[in-house]
mmCIF file of all heavy atoms, coordinates in Angstrom:
data_MODEL
# 
_entry.id   MODEL 
# 
loop_
_atom_site.group_PDB 
_atom_site.id 
_atom_site.type_symbol 
_atom_site.label_atom_id 
_atom_site.label_alt_id 
_atom_site.label_comp_id 
_atom_site.label_asym_id 
_atom_site.label_entity_id 
_atom_site.label_seq_id 
_atom_site.pdbx_PDB_ins_code 
_atom_site.Cartn_x 
_atom_site.Cartn_y 
_atom_site.Cartn_z 
_atom_site.occupancy 
_atom_site.B_iso_or_equiv 
_atom_site.pdbx_formal_charge 
_atom_site.auth_seq_id 
_atom_site.auth_comp_id 
_atom_site.auth_asym_id 
_atom_site.auth_atom_id 
_atom_site.pdbx_PDB_model_num 
ATOM 1   N N   . LEU A 1 1  ? 55.064 -113.011 -0.827 1.00 0.00 ? 1  LEU A N   1 
ATOM 2   C CA  . LEU A 1 1  ? 54.516 -111.777 -0.265 1.00 0.00 ? 1  LEU A CA  1 
ATOM 3   C C   . LEU A 1 1  ? 54.032 -110.845 -1.361 1.00 0.00 ? 1  LEU A C   1 
ATOM 4   O O   . LEU A 1 1  ? 53.004 -110.180 -1.209 1.00 0.00 ? 1  LEU A O   1 
ATOM 5   C CB  . LEU A 1 1  ? 55.577 -111.080 0.603  1.00 0.00 ? 1  LEU A CB  1 
ATOM 6   C CG  . LEU A 1 1  ? 55.918 -111.784 1.914  1.00 0.00 ? 1  LEU A CG  1 
ATOM 7   C CD1 . LEU A 1 1  ? 56.979 -110.989 2.684  1.00 0.00 ? 1  LEU A CD1 1 
ATOM 8   C CD2 . LEU A 1 1  ? 54.675 -111.966 2.781  1.00 0.00 ? 1  LEU A CD2 1 
ATOM 9   N N   . ARG A 1 2  ? 54.758 -110.762 -2.466 1.00 0.00 ? 2  ARG A N   1 
ATOM 10  C CA  . ARG A 1 2  ? 54.353 -109.883 -3.557 1.00 0.00 ? 2  ARG A CA  1 
ATOM 11  C C   . ARG A 1 2  ? 53.183 -110.478 -4.337 1.00 0.00 ? 2  ARG A C   1 
ATOM 12  O O   . ARG A 1 2  ? 52.327 -109.745 -4.838 1.00 0.00 ? 2  ARG A O   1 
ATOM 13  C CB  . ARG A 1 2  ? 55.542 -109.637 -4.496 1.00 0.00 ? 2  ARG A CB  1 
ATOM 14  C CG  . ARG A 1 2  ? 55.175 -108.803 -5.702 1.00 0.00 ? 2  ARG A CG  1 
ATOM 15  C CD  . ARG A 1 2  ? 56.339 -108.232 -6.463 1.00 0.00 ? 2  ARG A CD  1 
ATOM 16  N NE  . ARG A 1 2  ? 57.507 -109.103 -6.497 1.00 0.00 ? 2  ARG A NE  1 
ATOM 17  C CZ  . ARG A 1 2  ? 58.700 -108.678 -6.942 1.00 0.00 ? 2  ARG A CZ  1 
ATOM 18  N NH1 . ARG A 1 2  ? 58.841 -107.422 -7.331 1.00 0.00 ? 2  ARG A NH1 1 
ATOM 19  N NH2 . ARG A 1 2  ? 59.722 -109.494 -6.982 1.00 0.00 ? 2  ARG A NH2 1 
ATOM 20  N N   . HIS A 1 3  ? 53.150 -111.805 -4.445 1.00 0.00 ? 3  HIS A N   1 
ATOM 21  C CA  . HIS A 1 3  ? 52.076 -112.489 -5.177 1.00 0.00 ? 3  HIS A CA  1 
ATOM 22  C C   . HIS A 1 3  ? 51.458 -113.533 -4.247 1.00 0.00 ? 3  HIS A C   1 
ATOM 23  O O   . HIS A 1 3  ? 51.734 -114.729 -4.373 1.00 0.00 ? 3  HIS A O   1 
ATOM 24  C CB  . HIS A 1 3  ? 52.615 -113.166 -6.438 1.00 0.00 ? 3  HIS A CB  1 
ATOM 25  C CG  . HIS A 1 3  ? 53.253 -112.240 -7.423 1.00 0.00 ? 3  HIS A CG  1 
ATOM 26  N ND1 . HIS A 1 3  ? 54.613 -112.053 -7.503 1.00 0.00 ? 3  HIS A ND1 1 
ATOM 27  C CD2 . HIS A 1 3  ? 52.700 -111.424 -8.358 1.00 0.00 ? 3  HIS A CD2 1 
ATOM 28  C CE1 . HIS A 1 3  ? 54.872 -111.183 -8.462 1.00 0.00 ? 3  HIS A CE1 1 
ATOM 29  N NE2 . HIS A 1 3  ? 53.730 -110.788 -8.999 1.00 0.00 ? 3  HIS A NE2 1 
ATOM 30  N N   . PRO A 1 4  ? 50.616 -113.118 -3.292 1.00 0.00 ? 4  PRO A N   1 
ATOM 31  C CA  . PRO A 1 4  ? 50.104 -114.061 -2.288 1.00 0.00 ? 4  PRO A CA  1 
ATOM 32  C C   . PRO A 1 4  ? 49.326 -115.231 -2.876 1.00 0.00 ? 4  PRO A C   1 
ATOM 33  O O   . PRO A 1 4  ? 49.276 -116.300 -2.261 1.00 0.00 ? 4  PRO A O   1 
ATOM 34  C CB  . PRO A 1 4  ? 49.224 -113.185 -1.395 1.00 0.00 ? 4  PRO A CB  1 
ATOM 35  C CG  . PRO A 1 4  ? 49.002 -111.917 -2.132 1.00 0.00 ? 4  PRO A CG  1 
ATOM 36  C CD  . PRO A 1 4  ? 50.161 -111.739 -3.053 1.00 0.00 ? 4  PRO A CD  1 
ATOM 37  N N   . GLN A 1 5  ? 48.745 -115.056 -4.066 1.00 0.00 ? 5  GLN A N   1 
ATOM 38  C CA  . GLN A 1 5  ? 48.009 -116.167 -4.658 1.00 0.00 ? 5  GLN A CA  1 
ATOM 39  C C   . GLN A 1 5  ? 48.928 -117.330 -5.001 1.00 0.00 ? 5  GLN A C   1 
ATOM 40  O O   . GLN A 1 5  ? 48.494 -118.482 -5.045 1.00 0.00 ? 5  GLN A O   1 
ATOM 41  C CB  . GLN A 1 5  ? 47.200 -115.727 -5.894 1.00 0.00 ? 5  GLN A CB  1 
ATOM 42  C CG  . GLN A 1 5  ? 48.013 -115.110 -7.014 1.00 0.00 ? 5  GLN A CG  1 
ATOM 43  C CD  . GLN A 1 5  ? 48.125 -113.614 -6.901 1.00 0.00 ? 5  GLN A CD  1 
ATOM 44  O OE1 . GLN A 1 5  ? 48.637 -113.095 -5.919 1.00 0.00 ? 5  GLN A OE1 1 
ATOM 45  N NE2 . GLN A 1 5  ? 47.660 -112.908 -7.924 1.00 0.00 ? 5  GLN A NE2 1 
ATOM 46  N N   . ILE A 1 6  ? 50.213 -117.048 -5.233 1.00 0.00 ? 6  ILE A N   1 
ATOM 47  C CA  . ILE A 1 6  ? 51.163 -118.127 -5.506 1.00 0.00 ? 6  ILE A CA  1 
ATOM 48  C C   . ILE A 1 6  ? 51.347 -118.986 -4.264 1.00 0.00 ? 6  ILE A C   1 
ATOM 49  O O   . ILE A 1 6  ? 51.321 -120.212 -4.325 1.00 0.00 ? 6  ILE A O   1 
ATOM 50  C CB  . ILE A 1 6  ? 52.519 -117.551 -5.971 1.00 0.00 ? 6  ILE A CB  1 
ATOM 51  C CG1 . ILE A 1 6  ? 52.390 -116.994 -7.376 1.00 0.00 ? 6  ILE A CG1 1 
ATOM 52  C CG2 . ILE A 1 6  ? 53.605 -118.628 -5.936 1.00 0.00 ? 6  ILE A CG2 1 
ATOM 53  C CD1 . ILE A 1 6  ? 53.646 -116.329 -7.872 1.00 0.00 ? 6  ILE A CD1 1 
ATOM 54  N N   . GLY A 1 7  ? 51.542 -118.328 -3.120 1.00 0.00 ? 7  GLY A N   1 
ATOM 55  C CA  . GLY A 1 7  ? 51.688 -119.080 -1.879 1.00 0.00 ? 7  GLY A CA  1 
ATOM 56  C C   . GLY A 1 7  ? 50.454 -119.901 -1.566 1.00 0.00 ? 7  GLY A C   1 
ATOM 57  O O   . GLY A 1 7  ? 50.555 -121.066 -1.161 1.00 0.00 ? 7  GLY A O   1 
ATOM 58  N N   . SER A 1 8  ? 49.283 -119.308 -1.767 1.00 0.00 ? 8  SER A N   1 
ATOM 59  C CA  . SER A 1 8  ? 48.031 -120.022 -1.490 1.00 0.00 ? 8  SER A CA  1 
ATOM 60  C C   . SER A 1 8  ? 47.870 -121.227 -2.409 1.00 0.00 ? 8  SER A C   1 
ATOM 61  O O   . SER A 1 8  ? 47.486 -122.318 -1.967 1.00 0.00 ? 8  SER A O   1 
ATOM 62  C CB  . SER A 1 8  ? 46.841 -119.073 -1.670 1.00 0.00 ? 8  SER A CB  1 
ATOM 63  O OG  . SER A 1 8  ? 46.913 -118.006 -0.757 1.00 0.00 ? 8  SER A OG  1 
ATOM 64  N N   . SER A 1 9  ? 48.181 -121.034 -3.686 1.00 0.00 ? 9  SER A N   1 
ATOM 65  C CA  . SER A 1 9  ? 48.047 -122.134 -4.641 1.00 0.00 ? 9  SER A CA  1 
ATOM 66  C C   . SER A 1 9  ? 49.068 -123.223 -4.360 1.00 0.00 ? 9  SER A C   1 
ATOM 67  O O   . SER A 1 9  ? 48.754 -124.421 -4.423 1.00 0.00 ? 9  SER A O   1 
ATOM 68  C CB  . SER A 1 9  ? 48.215 -121.606 -6.070 1.00 0.00 ? 9  SER A CB  1 
ATOM 69  O OG  . SER A 1 9  ? 48.054 -122.643 -7.004 1.00 0.00 ? 9  SER A OG  1 
ATOM 70  N N   . TRP A 1 10 ? 50.303 -122.818 -4.033 1.00 0.00 ? 10 TRP A N   1 
ATOM 71  C CA  . TRP A 1 10 ? 51.337 -123.803 -3.696 1.00 0.00 ? 10 TRP A CA  1 
ATOM 72  C C   . TRP A 1 10 ? 50.892 -124.637 -2.495 1.00 0.00 ? 10 TRP A C   1 
ATOM 73  O O   . TRP A 1 10 ? 51.012 -125.863 -2.507 1.00 0.00 ? 10 TRP A O   1 
ATOM 74  C CB  . TRP A 1 10 ? 52.654 -123.091 -3.371 1.00 0.00 ? 10 TRP A CB  1 
ATOM 75  C CG  . TRP A 1 10 ? 53.636 -123.975 -2.664 1.00 0.00 ? 10 TRP A CG  1 
ATOM 76  C CD1 . TRP A 1 10 ? 54.460 -124.907 -3.228 1.00 0.00 ? 10 TRP A CD1 1 
ATOM 77  C CD2 . TRP A 1 10 ? 53.871 -124.049 -1.252 1.00 0.00 ? 10 TRP A CD2 1 
ATOM 78  N NE1 . TRP A 1 10 ? 55.194 -125.559 -2.252 1.00 0.00 ? 10 TRP A NE1 1 
ATOM 79  C CE2 . TRP A 1 10 ? 54.856 -125.049 -1.030 1.00 0.00 ? 10 TRP A CE2 1 
ATOM 80  C CE3 . TRP A 1 10 ? 53.357 -123.360 -0.156 1.00 0.00 ? 10 TRP A CE3 1 
ATOM 81  C CZ2 . TRP A 1 10 ? 55.317 -125.372 0.241  1.00 0.00 ? 10 TRP A CZ2 1 
ATOM 82  C CZ3 . TRP A 1 10 ? 53.821 -123.675 1.115  1.00 0.00 ? 10 TRP A CZ3 1 
ATOM 83  C CH2 . TRP A 1 10 ? 54.797 -124.676 1.301  1.00 0.00 ? 10 TRP A CH2 1 
ATOM 84  N N   . TYR A 1 11 ? 50.353 -123.992 -1.461 1.00 0.00 ? 11 TYR A N   1 
ATOM 85  C CA  . TYR A 1 11 ? 49.972 -124.741 -0.268 1.00 0.00 ? 11 TYR A CA  1 
ATOM 86  C C   . TYR A 1 11 ? 48.796 -125.675 -0.554 1.00 0.00 ? 11 TYR A C   1 
ATOM 87  O O   . TYR A 1 11 ? 48.793 -126.834 -0.133 1.00 0.00 ? 11 TYR A O   1 
ATOM 88  C CB  . TYR A 1 11 ? 49.620 -123.807 0.887  1.00 0.00 ? 11 TYR A CB  1 
ATOM 89  C CG  . TYR A 1 11 ? 49.431 -124.577 2.174  1.00 0.00 ? 11 TYR A CG  1 
ATOM 90  C CD1 . TYR A 1 11 ? 50.532 -124.999 2.910  1.00 0.00 ? 11 TYR A CD1 1 
ATOM 91  C CD2 . TYR A 1 11 ? 48.160 -124.928 2.620  1.00 0.00 ? 11 TYR A CD2 1 
ATOM 92  C CE1 . TYR A 1 11 ? 50.376 -125.752 4.064  1.00 0.00 ? 11 TYR A CE1 1 
ATOM 93  C CE2 . TYR A 1 11 ? 47.993 -125.683 3.771  1.00 0.00 ? 11 TYR A CE2 1 
ATOM 94  C CZ  . TYR A 1 11 ? 49.105 -126.083 4.492  1.00 0.00 ? 11 TYR A CZ  1 
ATOM 95  O OH  . TYR A 1 11 ? 48.946 -126.839 5.618  1.00 0.00 ? 11 TYR A OH  1 
ATOM 96  N N   . ALA A 1 12 ? 47.803 -125.169 -1.284 1.00 0.00 ? 12 ALA A N   1 
ATOM 97  C CA  . ALA A 1 12 ? 46.618 -125.982 -1.573 1.00 0.00 ? 12 ALA A CA  1 
ATOM 98  C C   . ALA A 1 12 ? 46.956 -127.186 -2.444 1.00 0.00 ? 12 ALA A C   1 
ATOM 99  O O   . ALA A 1 12 ? 46.464 -128.297 -2.208 1.00 0.00 ? 12 ALA A O   1 
ATOM 100 C CB  . ALA A 1 12 ? 45.553 -125.128 -2.260 1.00 0.00 ? 12 ALA A CB  1 
ATOM 101 N N   . ASN A 1 13 ? 47.793 -126.979 -3.463 1.00 0.00 ? 13 ASN A N   1 
ATOM 102 C CA  . ASN A 1 13 ? 48.109 -128.063 -4.400 1.00 0.00 ? 13 ASN A CA  1 
ATOM 103 C C   . ASN A 1 13 ? 49.289 -128.919 -3.954 1.00 0.00 ? 13 ASN A C   1 
ATOM 104 O O   . ASN A 1 13 ? 49.477 -130.017 -4.462 1.00 0.00 ? 13 ASN A O   1 
ATOM 105 C CB  . ASN A 1 13 ? 48.425 -127.472 -5.782 1.00 0.00 ? 13 ASN A CB  1 
ATOM 106 C CG  . ASN A 1 13 ? 47.207 -126.925 -6.475 1.00 0.00 ? 13 ASN A CG  1 
ATOM 107 O OD1 . ASN A 1 13 ? 46.386 -127.670 -6.985 1.00 0.00 ? 13 ASN A OD1 1 
ATOM 108 N ND2 . ASN A 1 13 ? 47.075 -125.607 -6.474 1.00 0.00 ? 13 ASN A ND2 1 
ATOM 109 N N   . GLY A 1 14 ? 50.084 -128.386 -3.000 1.00 0.00 ? 14 GLY A N   1 
ATOM 110 C CA  . GLY A 1 14 ? 51.252 -129.109 -2.521 1.00 0.00 ? 14 GLY A CA  1 
ATOM 111 C C   . GLY A 1 14 ? 51.016 -129.744 -1.161 1.00 0.00 ? 14 GLY A C   1 
ATOM 112 O O   . GLY A 1 14 ? 50.434 -130.825 -1.071 1.00 0.00 ? 14 GLY A O   1 
ATOM 113 N N   . PRO A 1 15 ? 51.448 -129.085 -0.079 1.00 0.00 ? 15 PRO A N   1 
ATOM 114 C CA  . PRO A 1 15 ? 51.324 -129.697 1.249  1.00 0.00 ? 15 PRO A CA  1 
ATOM 115 C C   . PRO A 1 15 ? 49.917 -130.146 1.613  1.00 0.00 ? 15 PRO A C   1 
ATOM 116 O O   . PRO A 1 15 ? 49.732 -131.262 2.101  1.00 0.00 ? 15 PRO A O   1 
ATOM 117 C CB  . PRO A 1 15 ? 51.818 -128.583 2.180  1.00 0.00 ? 15 PRO A CB  1 
ATOM 118 C CG  . PRO A 1 15 ? 52.775 -127.803 1.351  1.00 0.00 ? 15 PRO A CG  1 
ATOM 119 C CD  . PRO A 1 15 ? 52.207 -127.811 -0.035 1.00 0.00 ? 15 PRO A CD  1 
ATOM 120 N N   . ALA A 1 16 ? 48.916 -129.301 1.400  1.00 0.00 ? 16 ALA A N   1 
ATOM 121 C CA  . ALA A 1 16 ? 47.557 -129.684 1.792  1.00 0.00 ? 16 ALA A CA  1 
ATOM 122 C C   . ALA A 1 16 ? 47.084 -130.918 1.024  1.00 0.00 ? 16 ALA A C   1 
ATOM 123 O O   . ALA A 1 16 ? 46.425 -131.799 1.581  1.00 0.00 ? 16 ALA A O   1 
ATOM 124 C CB  . ALA A 1 16 ? 46.589 -128.514 1.581  1.00 0.00 ? 16 ALA A CB  1 
ATOM 125 N N   . ALA A 1 17 ? 47.423 -130.979 -0.271 1.00 0.00 ? 17 ALA A N   1 
ATOM 126 C CA  . ALA A 1 17 ? 47.013 -132.130 -1.081 1.00 0.00 ? 17 ALA A CA  1 
ATOM 127 C C   . ALA A 1 17 ? 47.703 -133.407 -0.636 1.00 0.00 ? 17 ALA A C   1 
ATOM 128 O O   . ALA A 1 17 ? 47.083 -134.479 -0.559 1.00 0.00 ? 17 ALA A O   1 
ATOM 129 C CB  . ALA A 1 17 ? 47.298 -131.856 -2.554 1.00 0.00 ? 17 ALA A CB  1 
ATOM 130 N N   . THR A 1 18 ? 49.006 -133.318 -0.326 1.00 0.00 ? 18 THR A N   1 
ATOM 131 C CA  . THR A 1 18 ? 49.717 -134.518 0.103  1.00 0.00 ? 18 THR A CA  1 
ATOM 132 C C   . THR A 1 18 ? 49.315 -134.942 1.511  1.00 0.00 ? 18 THR A C   1 
ATOM 133 O O   . THR A 1 18 ? 49.222 -136.138 1.802  1.00 0.00 ? 18 THR A O   1 
ATOM 134 C CB  . THR A 1 18 ? 51.243 -134.320 0.007  1.00 0.00 ? 18 THR A CB  1 
ATOM 135 O OG1 . THR A 1 18 ? 51.623 -133.120 0.689  1.00 0.00 ? 18 THR A OG1 1 
ATOM 136 C CG2 . THR A 1 18 ? 51.676 -134.210 -1.433 1.00 0.00 ? 18 THR A CG2 1 
ATOM 137 N N   . HIS A 1 19 ? 49.043 -133.967 2.380  1.00 0.00 ? 19 HIS A N   1 
ATOM 138 C CA  . HIS A 1 19 ? 48.501 -134.312 3.697  1.00 0.00 ? 19 HIS A CA  1 
ATOM 139 C C   . HIS A 1 19 ? 47.208 -135.109 3.544  1.00 0.00 ? 19 HIS A C   1 
ATOM 140 O O   . HIS A 1 19 ? 46.973 -136.086 4.256  1.00 0.00 ? 19 HIS A O   1 
ATOM 141 C CB  . HIS A 1 19 ? 48.202 -133.057 4.514  1.00 0.00 ? 19 HIS A CB  1 
ATOM 142 C CG  . HIS A 1 19 ? 49.412 -132.260 4.878  1.00 0.00 ? 19 HIS A CG  1 
ATOM 143 N ND1 . HIS A 1 19 ? 49.336 -130.939 5.285  1.00 0.00 ? 19 HIS A ND1 1 
ATOM 144 C CD2 . HIS A 1 19 ? 50.730 -132.580 4.907  1.00 0.00 ? 19 HIS A CD2 1 
ATOM 145 C CE1 . HIS A 1 19 ? 50.550 -130.495 5.544  1.00 0.00 ? 19 HIS A CE1 1 
ATOM 146 N NE2 . HIS A 1 19 ? 51.408 -131.466 5.323  1.00 0.00 ? 19 HIS A NE2 1 
ATOM 147 N N   . ALA A 1 20 ? 46.346 -134.652 2.627  1.00 0.00 ? 20 ALA A N   1 
ATOM 148 C CA  . ALA A 1 20 ? 45.042 -135.306 2.449  1.00 0.00 ? 20 ALA A CA  1 
ATOM 149 C C   . ALA A 1 20 ? 45.198 -136.738 1.952  1.00 0.00 ? 20 ALA A C   1 
ATOM 150 O O   . ALA A 1 20 ? 44.451 -137.634 2.357  1.00 0.00 ? 20 ALA A O   1 
ATOM 151 C CB  . ALA A 1 20 ? 44.187 -134.497 1.472  1.00 0.00 ? 20 ALA A CB  1 
ATOM 152 N N   . ILE A 1 21 ? 46.159 -136.977 1.044  1.00 0.00 ? 21 ILE A N   1 
ATOM 153 C CA  . ILE A 1 21 ? 46.406 -138.338 0.555  1.00 0.00 ? 21 ILE A CA  1 
ATOM 154 C C   . ILE A 1 21 ? 46.788 -139.260 1.715  1.00 0.00 ? 21 ILE A C   1 
ATOM 155 O O   . ILE A 1 21 ? 46.258 -140.365 1.863  1.00 0.00 ? 21 ILE A O   1 
ATOM 156 C CB  . ILE A 1 21 ? 47.535 -138.331 -0.506 1.00 0.00 ? 21 ILE A CB  1 
ATOM 157 C CG1 . ILE A 1 21 ? 47.067 -137.611 -1.770 1.00 0.00 ? 21 ILE A CG1 1 
ATOM 158 C CG2 . ILE A 1 21 ? 47.986 -139.756 -0.828 1.00 0.00 ? 21 ILE A CG2 1 
ATOM 159 C CD1 . ILE A 1 21 ? 48.198 -137.279 -2.736 1.00 0.00 ? 21 ILE A CD1 1 
ATOM 160 N N   . LEU A 1 22 ? 47.697 -138.789 2.540  1.00 0.00 ? 22 LEU A N   1 
ATOM 161 C CA  . LEU A 1 22 ? 48.151 -139.609 3.659  1.00 0.00 ? 22 LEU A CA  1 
ATOM 162 C C   . LEU A 1 22 ? 47.063 -139.762 4.716  1.00 0.00 ? 22 LEU A C   1 
ATOM 163 O O   . LEU A 1 22 ? 46.906 -140.842 5.306  1.00 0.00 ? 22 LEU A O   1 
ATOM 164 C CB  . LEU A 1 22 ? 49.403 -138.997 4.281  1.00 0.00 ? 22 LEU A CB  1 
ATOM 165 C CG  . LEU A 1 22 ? 50.102 -139.830 5.356  1.00 0.00 ? 22 LEU A CG  1 
ATOM 166 C CD1 . LEU A 1 22 ? 50.393 -141.244 4.867  1.00 0.00 ? 22 LEU A CD1 1 
ATOM 167 C CD2 . LEU A 1 22 ? 51.385 -139.143 5.812  1.00 0.00 ? 22 LEU A CD2 1 
ATOM 168 N N   . GLU A 1 23 ? 46.301 -138.715 4.946  1.00 0.00 ? 23 GLU A N   1 
ATOM 169 C CA  . GLU A 1 23 ? 45.208 -138.802 5.912  1.00 0.00 ? 23 GLU A CA  1 
ATOM 170 C C   . GLU A 1 23 ? 44.202 -139.875 5.490  1.00 0.00 ? 23 GLU A C   1 
ATOM 171 O O   . GLU A 1 23 ? 43.744 -140.674 6.324  1.00 0.00 ? 23 GLU A O   1 
ATOM 172 C CB  . GLU A 1 23 ? 44.501 -137.457 6.050  1.00 0.00 ? 23 GLU A CB  1 
ATOM 173 C CG  . GLU A 1 23 ? 43.343 -137.489 7.030  1.00 0.00 ? 23 GLU A CG  1 
ATOM 174 C CD  . GLU A 1 23 ? 42.537 -136.193 7.061  1.00 0.00 ? 23 GLU A CD  1 
ATOM 175 O OE1 . GLU A 1 23 ? 43.003 -135.181 6.512  1.00 0.00 ? 23 GLU A OE1 1 
ATOM 176 O OE2 . GLU A 1 23 ? 41.419 -136.219 7.624  1.00 0.00 ? 23 GLU A OE2 1 
ATOM 177 N N   . ARG A 1 24 ? 43.851 -139.917 4.196  1.00 0.00 ? 24 ARG A N   1 
ATOM 178 C CA  . ARG A 1 24 ? 42.905 -140.940 3.718  1.00 0.00 ? 24 ARG A CA  1 
ATOM 179 C C   . ARG A 1 24 ? 43.462 -142.344 3.938  1.00 0.00 ? 24 ARG A C   1 
ATOM 180 O O   . ARG A 1 24 ? 42.731 -143.249 4.337  1.00 0.00 ? 24 ARG A O   1 
ATOM 181 C CB  . ARG A 1 24 ? 42.591 -140.711 2.229  1.00 0.00 ? 24 ARG A CB  1 
ATOM 182 C CG  . ARG A 1 24 ? 41.695 -139.520 1.954  1.00 0.00 ? 24 ARG A CG  1 
ATOM 183 C CD  . ARG A 1 24 ? 41.150 -139.538 0.540  1.00 0.00 ? 24 ARG A CD  1 
ATOM 184 N NE  . ARG A 1 24 ? 42.199 -139.393 -0.455 1.00 0.00 ? 24 ARG A NE  1 
ATOM 185 C CZ  . ARG A 1 24 ? 42.640 -138.228 -0.912 1.00 0.00 ? 24 ARG A CZ  1 
ATOM 186 N NH1 . ARG A 1 24 ? 42.126 -137.090 -0.438 1.00 0.00 ? 24 ARG A NH1 1 
ATOM 187 N NH2 . ARG A 1 24 ? 43.588 -138.164 -1.833 1.00 0.00 ? 24 ARG A NH2 1 
ATOM 188 N N   . PHE A 1 25 ? 44.749 -142.511 3.670  1.00 0.00 ? 25 PHE A N   1 
ATOM 189 C CA  . PHE A 1 25 ? 45.371 -143.815 3.892  1.00 0.00 ? 25 PHE A CA  1 
ATOM 190 C C   . PHE A 1 25 ? 45.324 -144.207 5.372  1.00 0.00 ? 25 PHE A C   1 
ATOM 191 O O   . PHE A 1 25 ? 44.990 -145.363 5.707  1.00 0.00 ? 25 PHE A O   1 
ATOM 192 C CB  . PHE A 1 25 ? 46.822 -143.779 3.410  1.00 0.00 ? 25 PHE A CB  1 
ATOM 193 C CG  . PHE A 1 25 ? 47.616 -145.000 3.768  1.00 0.00 ? 25 PHE A CG  1 
ATOM 194 C CD1 . PHE A 1 25 ? 47.357 -146.222 3.161  1.00 0.00 ? 25 PHE A CD1 1 
ATOM 195 C CD2 . PHE A 1 25 ? 48.622 -144.943 4.734  1.00 0.00 ? 25 PHE A CD2 1 
ATOM 196 C CE1 . PHE A 1 25 ? 48.085 -147.364 3.505  1.00 0.00 ? 25 PHE A CE1 1 
ATOM 197 C CE2 . PHE A 1 25 ? 49.348 -146.068 5.081  1.00 0.00 ? 25 PHE A CE2 1 
ATOM 198 C CZ  . PHE A 1 25 ? 49.073 -147.285 4.459  1.00 0.00 ? 25 PHE A CZ  1 
ATOM 199 N N   . LEU A 1 26 ? 45.625 -143.265 6.256  1.00 0.00 ? 26 LEU A N   1 
ATOM 200 C CA  . LEU A 1 26 ? 45.609 -143.575 7.692  1.00 0.00 ? 26 LEU A CA  1 
ATOM 201 C C   . LEU A 1 26 ? 44.199 -143.873 8.189  1.00 0.00 ? 26 LEU A C   1 
ATOM 202 O O   . LEU A 1 26 ? 44.008 -144.733 9.054  1.00 0.00 ? 26 LEU A O   1 
ATOM 203 C CB  . LEU A 1 26 ? 46.230 -142.416 8.475  1.00 0.00 ? 26 LEU A CB  1 
ATOM 204 C CG  . LEU A 1 26 ? 47.736 -142.191 8.235  1.00 0.00 ? 26 LEU A CG  1 
ATOM 205 C CD1 . LEU A 1 26 ? 48.208 -140.930 8.944  1.00 0.00 ? 26 LEU A CD1 1 
ATOM 206 C CD2 . LEU A 1 26 ? 48.545 -143.403 8.682  1.00 0.00 ? 26 LEU A CD2 1 
# 
């Protein structure tokens, strides 16, 4: 909440990136 860019970067490089890897495989 204090540093919203951290949350955005974490989501983009973490969950969103891993979702994309699995989506390509499926």
